Amino acid sequence: MSDRKPNPQMQEQLQELLDTKEYKSQAALSKALGEGWSEYTLSKYLKGEYNGSYENVEKKLEEFLKNREDAKNLKSNQVKGGYQPITTSQNVYMTIRKCHLEGLFSAAVGESGTGKTMAALKYVSDYPSSAMIITAKTWLSTERALLKAIVKKLKLPIGNTDDMAENIQEALKSESTLIIIDEAQNLQIRTISMLQGFVDENANLAICFIGDLRFTENLKKHKDITEQIQNRIRYVSKIHRLDVTEDDIESLFPGLQDKKSKNLLLQIARTGLGIREARNIYVNAVNNENITYEGLKAMKRQQI
């Protein structure tokens, strides 16, 4: 065993991260610490029984803790993130809720930057035992790829397409379940048709598509296939940036004091990249310690 002892302050800080459940396990914390830290190393370090070089592991640990502290002290961390119950995101949330409770095949589509994904994530956080979310990245657009993503969520075996579809139906037939498909505009028509079949055969299953306006545009391009799908989609909520209100801006950015600044962010939220762009500009202005109208304008000019 090394003659040198661990830094007690560093030990205390690591233990605090575990005690407060910021990291759920030693395995999760050791992974965050990076190369040179394993679950075994962390356990031994906390006990003061590490047999390797304390200098090496503590050099990396010092950098890790400093990065955390500096990030915590960023003024932008005072800005509310995640889901915010504004007009557009609440519309999406209530669409998802209606879909879940009524067992619908539904959709919430609209312009980017309106809080659709955040609303979906919030819903799954509120109802984790009966709702799941799958993000349909471009490589998950096919039937087989999406089925694999669903069976992984359900902890079912990966097999051929037919077997996975049958296993999913069997697993979900006895309890009310909602599957949210985010970025649904990337789905192939055959994949949407397959999901429609799931809902048709299972009264306990609801599926809600979240995506941009291309989702409905894609359906219109394939009339021979999609008439039946469109007839099955019983509820479609359309979300627009223009739905964002002055009250939404005040809720999102409570630090703004003057009407001119609020109107600037409202204009940005209703155009361009929506709420996402408005928040980025506000966060940059906060970090620059200038959230006046001129400060916001300066940050807007720096946007790509």
C-alpha atoms as a PDB file:
ATOM      1  CA  MET A   1       0.000   0.000   0.000  1.00  0.00           C
ATOM      2  CA  SER A   2       1.167   3.544  -0.780  1.00  0.00           C
ATOM      3  CA  ASP A   3       2.593   5.526   2.132  1.00  0.00           C
ATOM      4  CA  ARG A   4       0.804   8.621   0.969  1.00  0.00           C
ATOM      5  CA  LYS A   5      -2.730   9.366   2.126  1.00  0.00           C
ATOM      6  CA  PRO A   6      -5.562  10.735  -0.020  1.00  0.00           C
ATOM      7  CA  ASN A   7      -6.552  14.384   0.102  1.00  0.00           C
ATOM      8  CA  PRO A   8      -9.317  14.463   2.767  1.00  0.00           C
ATOM      9  CA  GLN A   9     -11.120  17.395   1.147  1.00  0.00           C
ATOM     10  CA  MET A  10     -11.296  15.556  -2.169  1.00  0.00           C
ATOM     11  CA  GLN A  11     -12.523  12.434  -0.410  1.00  0.00           C
ATOM     12  CA  GLU A  12     -15.248  14.464   1.281  1.00  0.00           C
ATOM     13  CA  GLN A  13     -16.346  16.083  -1.987  1.00  0.00           C
ATOM     14  CA  LEU A  14     -16.581  12.716  -3.736  1.00  0.00           C
ATOM     15  CA  GLN A  15     -18.524  11.183  -0.874  1.00  0.00           C
ATOM     16  CA  GLU A  16     -20.915  14.136  -0.929  1.00  0.00           C
ATOM     17  CA  LEU A  17     -21.645  13.523  -4.615  1.00  0.00           C
ATOM     18  CA  LEU A  18     -22.685   9.971  -3.703  1.00  0.00           C
ATOM     19  CA  ASP A  19     -24.581  10.908  -0.529  1.00  0.00           C
ATOM     20  CA  THR A  20     -26.679  13.518  -2.317  1.00  0.00           C
ATOM     21  CA  LYS A  21     -27.459  10.993  -5.077  1.00  0.00           C
ATOM     22  CA  GLU A  22     -26.104  13.373  -7.701  1.00  0.00           C
ATOM     23  CA  TYR A  23     -24.444  10.215  -8.959  1.00  0.00           C
ATOM     24  CA  LYS A  24     -26.563   7.169  -8.242  1.00  0.00           C
ATOM     25  CA  SER A  25     -23.681   4.768  -7.726  1.00  0.00           C
ATOM     26  CA  GLN A  26     -19.919   4.488  -7.510  1.00  0.00           C
ATOM     27  CA  ALA A  27     -20.011   3.011 -11.005  1.00  0.00           C
ATOM     28  CA  ALA A  28     -21.738   6.135 -12.372  1.00  0.00           C
ATOM     29  CA  LEU A  29     -19.335   8.474 -10.576  1.00  0.00           C
ATOM     30  CA  SER A  30     -16.216   6.577 -11.650  1.00  0.00           C
ATOM     31  CA  LYS A  31     -17.431   6.725 -15.256  1.00  0.00           C
ATOM     32  CA  ALA A  32     -17.848  10.503 -14.961  1.00  0.00           C
ATOM     33  CA  LEU A  33     -14.352  10.829 -13.516  1.00  0.00           C
ATOM     34  CA  GLY A  34     -12.962   9.348 -16.697  1.00  0.00           C
ATOM     35  CA  GLU A  35      -9.826   7.450 -17.615  1.00  0.00           C
ATOM     36  CA  GLY A  36      -7.842   6.093 -14.672  1.00  0.00           C
ATOM     37  CA  TRP A  37     -10.889   5.837 -12.428  1.00  0.00           C
ATOM     38  CA  SER A  38     -12.755   2.555 -12.089  1.00  0.00           C
ATOM     39  CA  GLU A  39     -15.375   1.586  -9.546  1.00  0.00           C
ATOM     40  CA  TYR A  40     -12.643  -0.362  -7.739  1.00  0.00           C
ATOM     41  CA  THR A  41     -10.281   2.646  -7.739  1.00  0.00           C
ATOM     42  CA  LEU A  42     -13.009   4.933  -6.402  1.00  0.00           C
ATOM     43  CA  SER A  43     -13.942   2.517  -3.626  1.00  0.00           C
ATOM     44  CA  LYS A  44     -10.346   2.101  -2.525  1.00  0.00           C
ATOM     45  CA  TYR A  45      -9.690   5.840  -2.750  1.00  0.00           C
ATOM     46  CA  LEU A  46     -12.645   6.674  -0.518  1.00  0.00           C
ATOM     47  CA  LYS A  47     -11.409   4.157   2.052  1.00  0.00           C
ATOM     48  CA  GLY A  48      -7.837   5.456   1.860  1.00  0.00           C
ATOM     49  CA  GLU A  49      -6.667   2.050   0.670  1.00  0.00           C
ATOM     50  CA  TYR A  50      -5.674   2.865  -2.902  1.00  0.00           C
ATOM     51  CA  ASN A  51      -2.511   1.027  -3.872  1.00  0.00           C
ATOM     52  CA  GLY A  52      -1.555   3.096  -6.900  1.00  0.00           C
ATOM     53  CA  SER A  53      -0.315   6.631  -7.397  1.00  0.00           C
ATOM     54  CA  TYR A  54      -2.436   9.144  -5.507  1.00  0.00           C
ATOM     55  CA  GLU A  55      -0.737  11.908  -7.464  1.00  0.00           C
ATOM     56  CA  ASN A  56      -1.995  10.557 -10.780  1.00  0.00           C
ATOM     57  CA  VAL A  57      -5.611   9.991  -9.769  1.00  0.00           C
ATOM     58  CA  GLU A  58      -5.855  13.210  -7.779  1.00  0.00           C
ATOM     59  CA  LYS A  59      -4.567  15.282 -10.681  1.00  0.00           C
ATOM     60  CA  LYS A  60      -7.534  14.125 -12.745  1.00  0.00           C
ATOM     61  CA  LEU A  61      -9.836  14.438  -9.741  1.00  0.00           C
ATOM     62  CA  GLU A  62      -8.751  18.022  -9.134  1.00  0.00           C
ATOM     63  CA  GLU A  63      -9.586  18.952 -12.733  1.00  0.00           C
ATOM     64  CA  PHE A  64     -12.962  17.205 -12.485  1.00  0.00           C
ATOM     65  CA  LEU A  65     -13.913  19.040  -9.290  1.00  0.00           C
ATOM     66  CA  LYS A  66     -12.721  22.398 -10.618  1.00  0.00           C
ATOM     67  CA  ASN A  67     -14.748  22.009 -13.808  1.00  0.00           C
ATOM     68  CA  ARG A  68     -17.822  21.209 -11.738  1.00  0.00           C
ATOM     69  CA  GLU A  69     -17.304  24.201  -9.466  1.00  0.00           C
ATOM     70  CA  ASP A  70     -16.710  26.613 -12.341  1.00  0.00           C
ATOM     71  CA  ALA A  71     -19.773  25.317 -14.170  1.00  0.00           C
ATOM     72  CA  LYS A  72     -21.841  25.733 -11.013  1.00  0.00           C
ATOM     73  CA  ASN A  73     -20.701  29.345 -10.697  1.00  0.00           C
ATOM     74  CA  LEU A  74     -21.669  30.284 -14.248  1.00  0.00           C
ATOM     75  CA  LYS A  75     -24.343  32.938 -14.056  1.00  0.00           C
ATOM     76  CA  SER A  76     -26.243  31.191 -16.843  1.00  0.00           C
ATOM     77  CA  ASN A  77     -26.959  28.315 -14.463  1.00  0.00           C
ATOM     78  CA  GLN A  78     -29.416  30.643 -12.771  1.00  0.00           C
ATOM     79  CA  VAL A  79     -31.513  30.581 -15.943  1.00  0.00           C
ATOM     80  CA  LYS A  80     -34.338  28.072 -15.844  1.00  0.00           C
ATOM     81  CA  GLY A  81     -33.794  25.128 -18.176  1.00  0.00           C
ATOM     82  CA  GLY A  82     -35.689  22.010 -19.139  1.00  0.00           C
ATOM     83  CA  TYR A  83     -39.464  21.996 -19.455  1.00  0.00           C
ATOM     84  CA  GLN A  84     -41.241  25.295 -18.893  1.00  0.00           C
ATOM     85  CA  PRO A  85     -45.065  25.357 -18.914  1.00  0.00           C
ATOM     86  CA  ILE A  86     -45.545  28.017 -21.577  1.00  0.00           C
ATOM     87  CA  THR A  87     -48.344  28.184 -24.146  1.00  0.00           C
ATOM     88  CA  THR A  88     -46.704  26.007 -26.806  1.00  0.00           C
ATOM     89  CA  SER A  89     -45.209  23.351 -24.527  1.00  0.00           C
ATOM     90  CA  GLN A  90     -48.430  23.053 -22.516  1.00  0.00           C
ATOM     91  CA  ASN A  91     -50.323  22.492 -25.755  1.00  0.00           C
ATOM     92  CA  VAL A  92     -47.968  19.617 -26.598  1.00  0.00           C
ATOM     93  CA  TYR A  93     -48.152  18.200 -23.065  1.00  0.00           C
ATOM     94  CA  MET A  94     -51.961  18.198 -23.066  1.00  0.00           C
ATOM     95  CA  THR A  95     -52.019  16.595 -26.519  1.00  0.00           C
ATOM     96  CA  ILE A  96     -49.824  13.782 -25.187  1.00  0.00           C
ATOM     97  CA  ARG A  97     -52.022  13.446 -22.098  1.00  0.00           C
ATOM     98  CA  LYS A  98     -55.197  13.203 -24.180  1.00  0.00           C
ATOM     99  CA  CYS A  99     -53.554  10.617 -26.403  1.00  0.00           C
ATOM    100  CA  HIS A 100     -52.490   8.521 -23.408  1.00  0.00           C
ATOM    101  CA  LEU A 101     -55.814   8.614 -21.561  1.00  0.00           C
ATOM    102  CA  GLU A 102     -57.965   7.931 -24.616  1.00  0.00           C
ATOM    103  CA  GLY A 103     -55.662   5.356 -26.226  1.00  0.00           C
ATOM    104  CA  LEU A 104     -55.238   7.377 -29.384  1.00  0.00           C
ATOM    105  CA  PHE A 105     -53.008   7.366 -32.449  1.00  0.00           C
ATOM    106  CA  SER A 106     -52.200  11.098 -32.342  1.00  0.00           C
ATOM    107  CA  ALA A 107     -49.663  13.748 -33.276  1.00  0.00           C
ATOM    108  CA  ALA A 108     -48.323  17.100 -32.096  1.00  0.00           C
ATOM    109  CA  VAL A 109     -46.469  18.742 -34.943  1.00  0.00           C
ATOM    110  CA  GLY A 110     -45.070  22.194 -35.398  1.00  0.00           C
ATOM    111  CA  GLU A 111     -42.173  24.519 -35.879  1.00  0.00           C
ATOM    112  CA  SER A 112     -38.851  23.911 -34.179  1.00  0.00           C
ATOM    113  CA  GLY A 113     -37.983  25.688 -30.947  1.00  0.00           C
ATOM    114  CA  THR A 114     -41.505  25.551 -29.496  1.00  0.00           C
ATOM    115  CA  GLY A 115     -40.825  23.142 -26.630  1.00  0.00           C
ATOM    116  CA  LYS A 116     -42.191  19.947 -28.173  1.00  0.00           C
ATOM    117  CA  THR A 117     -39.357  17.644 -27.094  1.00  0.00           C
ATOM    118  CA  MET A 118     -39.141  19.178 -23.616  1.00  0.00           C
ATOM    119  CA  ALA A 119     -42.877  18.605 -23.148  1.00  0.00           C
ATOM    120  CA  ALA A 120     -42.502  14.961 -24.219  1.00  0.00           C
ATOM    121  CA  LEU A 121     -39.582  14.415 -21.832  1.00  0.00           C
ATOM    122  CA  LYS A 122     -41.543  16.061 -19.022  1.00  0.00           C
ATOM    123  CA  TYR A 123     -44.488  13.752 -19.677  1.00  0.00           C
ATOM    124  CA  VAL A 124     -42.332  10.629 -19.515  1.00  0.00           C
ATOM    125  CA  SER A 125     -40.760  11.968 -16.309  1.00  0.00           C
ATOM    126  CA  ASP A 126     -44.250  12.428 -14.820  1.00  0.00           C
ATOM    127  CA  TYR A 127     -45.492   8.979 -15.915  1.00  0.00           C
ATOM    128  CA  PRO A 128     -42.374   6.780 -16.081  1.00  0.00           C
ATOM    129  CA  SER A 129     -44.131   3.464 -15.535  1.00  0.00           C
ATOM    130  CA  SER A 130     -46.654   3.861 -18.345  1.00  0.00           C
ATOM    131  CA  ALA A 131     -44.959   6.097 -20.916  1.00  0.00           C
ATOM    132  CA  MET A 132     -41.763   5.875 -22.926  1.00  0.00           C
ATOM    133  CA  ILE A 133     -40.110   8.051 -25.547  1.00  0.00           C
ATOM    134  CA  ILE A 134     -38.210   6.952 -28.632  1.00  0.00           C
ATOM    135  CA  THR A 135     -36.314   9.551 -30.663  1.00  0.00           C
ATOM    136  CA  ALA A 136     -36.569   8.609 -34.331  1.00  0.00           C
ATOM    137  CA  LYS A 137     -33.160   9.676 -35.536  1.00  0.00           C
ATOM    138  CA  THR A 138     -32.610   9.146 -39.248  1.00  0.00           C
ATOM    139  CA  TRP A 139     -31.065   5.729 -38.596  1.00  0.00           C
ATOM    140  CA  LEU A 140     -34.207   4.670 -36.693  1.00  0.00           C
ATOM    141  CA  SER A 141     -36.608   5.403 -39.537  1.00  0.00           C
ATOM    142  CA  THR A 142     -37.147   1.797 -40.681  1.00  0.00           C
ATOM    143  CA  GLU A 143     -39.470  -0.792 -39.177  1.00  0.00           C
ATOM    144  CA  ARG A 144     -36.682  -3.032 -37.876  1.00  0.00           C
ATOM    145  CA  ALA A 145     -34.601  -0.191 -36.441  1.00  0.00           C
ATOM    146  CA  LEU A 146     -37.556   1.259 -34.547  1.00  0.00           C
ATOM    147  CA  LEU A 147     -38.627  -2.159 -33.285  1.00  0.00           C
ATOM    148  CA  LYS A 148     -35.110  -2.696 -31.916  1.00  0.00           C
ATOM    149  CA  ALA A 149     -35.291   0.632 -30.082  1.00  0.00           C
ATOM    150  CA  ILE A 150     -38.642  -0.309 -28.524  1.00  0.00           C
ATOM    151  CA  VAL A 151     -37.583  -3.805 -27.431  1.00  0.00           C
ATOM    152  CA  LYS A 152     -34.482  -2.317 -25.794  1.00  0.00           C
ATOM    153  CA  LYS A 153     -36.714   0.039 -23.797  1.00  0.00           C
ATOM    154  CA  LEU A 154     -38.877  -2.903 -22.772  1.00  0.00           C
ATOM    155  CA  LYS A 155     -35.835  -5.117 -22.059  1.00  0.00           C
ATOM    156  CA  LEU A 156     -37.026  -7.712 -24.568  1.00  0.00           C
ATOM    157  CA  PRO A 157     -34.789  -9.871 -26.790  1.00  0.00           C
ATOM    158  CA  ILE A 158     -33.715  -8.586 -30.191  1.00  0.00           C
ATOM    159  CA  GLY A 159     -34.769 -10.949 -32.956  1.00  0.00           C
ATOM    160  CA  ASN A 160     -36.210 -10.832 -36.434  1.00  0.00           C
ATOM    161  CA  THR A 161     -38.801  -8.175 -37.278  1.00  0.00           C
ATOM    162  CA  ASP A 162     -41.843 -10.418 -36.850  1.00  0.00           C
ATOM    163  CA  ASP A 163     -40.665 -11.830 -33.512  1.00  0.00           C
ATOM    164  CA  MET A 164     -39.896  -8.388 -32.100  1.00  0.00           C
ATOM    165  CA  ALA A 165     -43.311  -7.063 -33.188  1.00  0.00           C
ATOM    166  CA  GLU A 166     -45.081 -10.012 -31.552  1.00  0.00           C
ATOM    167  CA  ASN A 167     -43.039  -9.696 -28.359  1.00  0.00           C
ATOM    168  CA  ILE A 168     -43.828  -5.990 -28.108  1.00  0.00           C
ATOM    169  CA  GLN A 169     -47.543  -6.607 -28.548  1.00  0.00           C
ATOM    170  CA  GLU A 170     -47.490  -9.373 -25.960  1.00  0.00           C
ATOM    171  CA  ALA A 171     -45.581  -7.229 -23.449  1.00  0.00           C
ATOM    172  CA  LEU A 172     -47.943  -4.268 -23.820  1.00  0.00           C
ATOM    173  CA  LYS A 173     -51.330  -5.925 -24.113  1.00  0.00           C
ATOM    174  CA  SER A 174     -52.177  -6.062 -20.398  1.00  0.00           C
ATOM    175  CA  GLU A 175     -51.592  -2.473 -19.262  1.00  0.00           C
ATOM    176  CA  SER A 176     -52.165   1.024 -20.596  1.00  0.00           C
ATOM    177  CA  THR A 177     -48.981   2.215 -22.299  1.00  0.00           C
ATOM    178  CA  LEU A 178     -48.032   5.299 -24.280  1.00  0.00           C
ATOM    179  CA  ILE A 179     -45.169   5.348 -26.784  1.00  0.00           C
ATOM    180  CA  ILE A 180     -44.043   8.833 -27.801  1.00  0.00           C
ATOM    181  CA  ILE A 181     -42.122   8.974 -31.070  1.00  0.00           C
ATOM    182  CA  ASP A 182     -40.085  12.181 -31.194  1.00  0.00           C
ATOM    183  CA  GLU A 183     -38.567  13.489 -34.446  1.00  0.00           C
ATOM    184  CA  ALA A 184     -41.375  11.573 -36.160  1.00  0.00           C
ATOM    185  CA  GLN A 185     -40.806  13.393 -39.466  1.00  0.00           C
ATOM    186  CA  ASN A 186     -37.873  10.996 -40.012  1.00  0.00           C
ATOM    187  CA  LEU A 187     -40.059   7.883 -40.028  1.00  0.00           C
ATOM    188  CA  GLN A 188     -40.668   5.962 -43.226  1.00  0.00           C
ATOM    189  CA  ILE A 189     -44.328   5.579 -44.190  1.00  0.00           C
ATOM    190  CA  ARG A 190     -44.085   1.787 -43.774  1.00  0.00           C
ATOM    191  CA  THR A 191     -42.886   2.310 -40.203  1.00  0.00           C
ATOM    192  CA  ILE A 192     -45.837   4.576 -39.387  1.00  0.00           C
ATOM    193  CA  SER A 193     -48.171   2.018 -40.931  1.00  0.00           C
ATOM    194  CA  MET A 194     -46.652  -0.695 -38.729  1.00  0.00           C
ATOM    195  CA  LEU A 195     -47.243   1.431 -35.619  1.00  0.00           C
ATOM    196  CA  GLN A 196     -50.822   2.025 -36.715  1.00  0.00           C
ATOM    197  CA  GLY A 197     -51.258  -1.755 -36.764  1.00  0.00           C
ATOM    198  CA  PHE A 198     -49.978  -1.949 -33.187  1.00  0.00           C
ATOM    199  CA  VAL A 199     -52.655   0.476 -31.985  1.00  0.00           C
ATOM    200  CA  ASP A 200     -55.395  -1.188 -34.047  1.00  0.00           C
ATOM    201  CA  GLU A 201     -54.640  -4.542 -32.404  1.00  0.00           C
ATOM    202  CA  ASN A 202     -54.074  -3.300 -28.865  1.00  0.00           C
ATOM    203  CA  ALA A 203     -56.730  -1.244 -27.079  1.00  0.00           C
ATOM    204  CA  ASN A 204     -54.278  -0.552 -24.224  1.00  0.00           C
ATOM    205  CA  LEU A 205     -51.672   1.062 -26.451  1.00  0.00           C
ATOM    206  CA  ALA A 206     -51.471   4.731 -27.447  1.00  0.00           C
ATOM    207  CA  ILE A 207     -48.896   6.280 -29.766  1.00  0.00           C
ATOM    208  CA  CYS A 208     -48.194   9.999 -30.055  1.00  0.00           C
ATOM    209  CA  PHE A 209     -45.969  11.381 -32.790  1.00  0.00           C
ATOM    210  CA  ILE A 210     -43.940  14.519 -32.061  1.00  0.00           C
ATOM    211  CA  GLY A 211     -42.241  16.245 -34.956  1.00  0.00           C
ATOM    212  CA  ASP A 212     -42.026  19.161 -37.317  1.00  0.00           C
ATOM    213  CA  LEU A 213     -44.459  19.945 -40.111  1.00  0.00           C
ATOM    214  CA  ARG A 214     -42.705  17.514 -42.444  1.00  0.00           C
ATOM    215  CA  PHE A 215     -44.504  14.691 -40.619  1.00  0.00           C
ATOM    216  CA  THR A 216     -47.904  15.657 -42.021  1.00  0.00           C
ATOM    217  CA  GLU A 217     -46.371  16.706 -45.350  1.00  0.00           C
ATOM    218  CA  ASN A 218     -44.844  13.231 -45.730  1.00  0.00           C
ATOM    219  CA  LEU A 219     -48.228  11.630 -45.142  1.00  0.00           C
ATOM    220  CA  LYS A 220     -49.797  13.722 -47.905  1.00  0.00           C
ATOM    221  CA  LYS A 221     -47.154  12.583 -50.399  1.00  0.00           C
ATOM    222  CA  HIS A 222     -48.202   8.931 -50.162  1.00  0.00           C
ATOM    223  CA  LYS A 223     -51.965   9.063 -50.608  1.00  0.00           C
ATOM    224  CA  ASP A 224     -52.232   5.418 -51.630  1.00  0.00           C
ATOM    225  CA  ILE A 225     -50.811   4.317 -48.277  1.00  0.00           C
ATOM    226  CA  THR A 226     -51.619   7.172 -45.948  1.00  0.00           C
ATOM    227  CA  GLU A 227     -55.366   7.659 -46.348  1.00  0.00           C
ATOM    228  CA  GLN A 228     -55.877   4.813 -43.922  1.00  0.00           C
ATOM    229  CA  ILE A 229     -53.193   6.192 -41.578  1.00  0.00           C
ATOM    230  CA  GLN A 230     -54.684   9.683 -41.671  1.00  0.00           C
ATOM    231  CA  ASN A 231     -58.096   8.252 -40.862  1.00  0.00           C
ATOM    232  CA  ARG A 232     -56.579   6.553 -37.815  1.00  0.00           C
ATOM    233  CA  ILE A 233     -54.822   9.678 -36.493  1.00  0.00           C
ATOM    234  CA  ARG A 234     -57.725  10.969 -34.459  1.00  0.00           C
ATOM    235  CA  TYR A 235     -56.123  14.103 -33.073  1.00  0.00           C
ATOM    236  CA  VAL A 236     -53.445  16.408 -34.487  1.00  0.00           C
ATOM    237  CA  SER A 237     -52.239  19.447 -32.577  1.00  0.00           C
ATOM    238  CA  LYS A 238     -50.323  22.040 -34.593  1.00  0.00           C
ATOM    239  CA  ILE A 239     -47.801  24.173 -32.721  1.00  0.00           C
ATOM    240  CA  HIS A 240     -46.650  27.546 -34.010  1.00  0.00           C
ATOM    241  CA  ARG A 241     -44.001  29.991 -32.821  1.00  0.00           C
ATOM    242  CA  LEU A 242     -46.554  32.788 -33.101  1.00  0.00           C
ATOM    243  CA  ASP A 243     -48.450  31.130 -30.235  1.00  0.00           C
ATOM    244  CA  VAL A 244     -45.745  32.330 -27.805  1.00  0.00           C
ATOM    245  CA  THR A 245     -47.096  35.149 -25.631  1.00  0.00           C
ATOM    246  CA  GLU A 246     -45.673  38.064 -23.661  1.00  0.00           C
ATOM    247  CA  ASP A 247     -46.517  36.172 -20.450  1.00  0.00           C
ATOM    248  CA  ASP A 248     -44.452  33.240 -21.719  1.00  0.00           C
ATOM    249  CA  ILE A 249     -41.426  35.513 -22.169  1.00  0.00           C
ATOM    250  CA  GLU A 250     -41.821  36.918 -18.645  1.00  0.00           C
ATOM    251  CA  SER A 251     -42.046  33.381 -17.257  1.00  0.00           C
ATOM    252  CA  LEU A 252     -38.998  32.163 -19.184  1.00  0.00           C
ATOM    253  CA  PHE A 253     -36.806  35.205 -18.586  1.00  0.00           C
ATOM    254  CA  PRO A 254     -37.784  36.748 -15.220  1.00  0.00           C
ATOM    255  CA  GLY A 255     -34.592  38.834 -15.085  1.00  0.00           C
ATOM    256  CA  LEU A 256     -35.749  41.147 -17.876  1.00  0.00           C
ATOM    257  CA  GLN A 257     -36.784  44.526 -16.544  1.00  0.00           C
ATOM    258  CA  ASP A 258     -37.792  46.689 -19.510  1.00  0.00           C
ATOM    259  CA  LYS A 259     -40.493  46.266 -22.124  1.00  0.00           C
ATOM    260  CA  LYS A 260     -38.050  46.766 -24.985  1.00  0.00           C
ATOM    261  CA  SER A 261     -35.953  43.748 -23.948  1.00  0.00           C
ATOM    262  CA  LYS A 262     -39.033  41.568 -23.512  1.00  0.00           C
ATOM    263  CA  ASN A 263     -40.340  42.553 -26.935  1.00  0.00           C
ATOM    264  CA  LEU A 264     -36.986  41.732 -28.521  1.00  0.00           C
ATOM    265  CA  LEU A 265     -36.981  38.181 -27.114  1.00  0.00           C
ATOM    266  CA  LEU A 266     -40.674  37.792 -27.985  1.00  0.00           C
ATOM    267  CA  GLN A 267     -39.909  38.725 -31.591  1.00  0.00           C
ATOM    268  CA  ILE A 268     -37.016  36.225 -31.661  1.00  0.00           C
ATOM    269  CA  ALA A 269     -39.168  33.485 -30.096  1.00  0.00           C
ATOM    270  CA  ARG A 270     -41.831  34.000 -32.753  1.00  0.00           C
ATOM    271  CA  THR A 271     -39.370  33.852 -35.635  1.00  0.00           C
ATOM    272  CA  GLY A 272     -36.016  32.245 -36.440  1.00  0.00           C
ATOM    273  CA  LEU A 273     -35.365  29.236 -34.239  1.00  0.00           C
ATOM    274  CA  GLY A 274     -38.062  30.037 -31.707  1.00  0.00           C
ATOM    275  CA  ILE A 275     -37.773  29.781 -27.933  1.00  0.00           C
ATOM    276  CA  ARG A 276     -34.504  27.891 -28.303  1.00  0.00           C
ATOM    277  CA  GLU A 277     -32.801  30.839 -29.991  1.00  0.00           C
ATOM    278  CA  ALA A 278     -34.293  33.355 -27.560  1.00  0.00           C
ATOM    279  CA  ARG A 279     -32.988  31.332 -24.627  1.00  0.00           C
ATOM    280  CA  ASN A 280     -29.505  31.009 -26.143  1.00  0.00           C
ATOM    281  CA  ILE A 281     -29.304  34.777 -26.599  1.00  0.00           C
ATOM    282  CA  TYR A 282     -30.533  35.389 -23.053  1.00  0.00           C
ATOM    283  CA  VAL A 283     -28.078  32.878 -21.560  1.00  0.00           C
ATOM    284  CA  ASN A 284     -25.167  34.454 -23.430  1.00  0.00           C
ATOM    285  CA  ALA A 285     -26.241  37.895 -22.220  1.00  0.00           C
ATOM    286  CA  VAL A 286     -26.441  36.625 -18.631  1.00  0.00           C
ATOM    287  CA  ASN A 287     -22.910  35.217 -18.864  1.00  0.00           C
ATOM    288  CA  ASN A 288     -21.831  38.573 -20.306  1.00  0.00           C
ATOM    289  CA  GLU A 289     -23.483  40.276 -17.307  1.00  0.00           C
ATOM    290  CA  ASN A 290     -25.558  42.517 -19.526  1.00  0.00           C
ATOM    291  CA  ILE A 291     -29.235  41.644 -20.024  1.00  0.00           C
ATOM    292  CA  THR A 292     -30.234  45.125 -21.130  1.00  0.00           C
ATOM    293  CA  TYR A 293     -31.751  45.636 -24.551  1.00  0.00           C
ATOM    294  CA  GLU A 294     -28.328  46.576 -25.928  1.00  0.00           C
ATOM    295  CA  GLY A 295     -26.732  43.531 -24.285  1.00  0.00           C
ATOM    296  CA  LEU A 296     -29.305  41.218 -25.833  1.00  0.00           C
ATOM    297  CA  LYS A 297     -28.897  42.861 -29.238  1.00  0.00           C
ATOM    298  CA  ALA A 298     -25.128  42.347 -29.017  1.00  0.00           C
ATOM    299  CA  MET A 299     -25.599  38.635 -28.292  1.00  0.00           C
ATOM    300  CA  LYS A 300     -28.127  38.342 -31.124  1.00  0.00           C
ATOM    301  CA  ARG A 301     -25.534  39.665 -33.560  1.00  0.00           C
ATOM    302  CA  GLN A 302     -23.166  36.895 -32.462  1.00  0.00           C
ATOM    303  CA  GLN A 303     -25.651  34.124 -33.321  1.00  0.00           C
ATOM    304  CA  ILE A 304     -24.774  31.999 -36.346  1.00  0.00           C
END
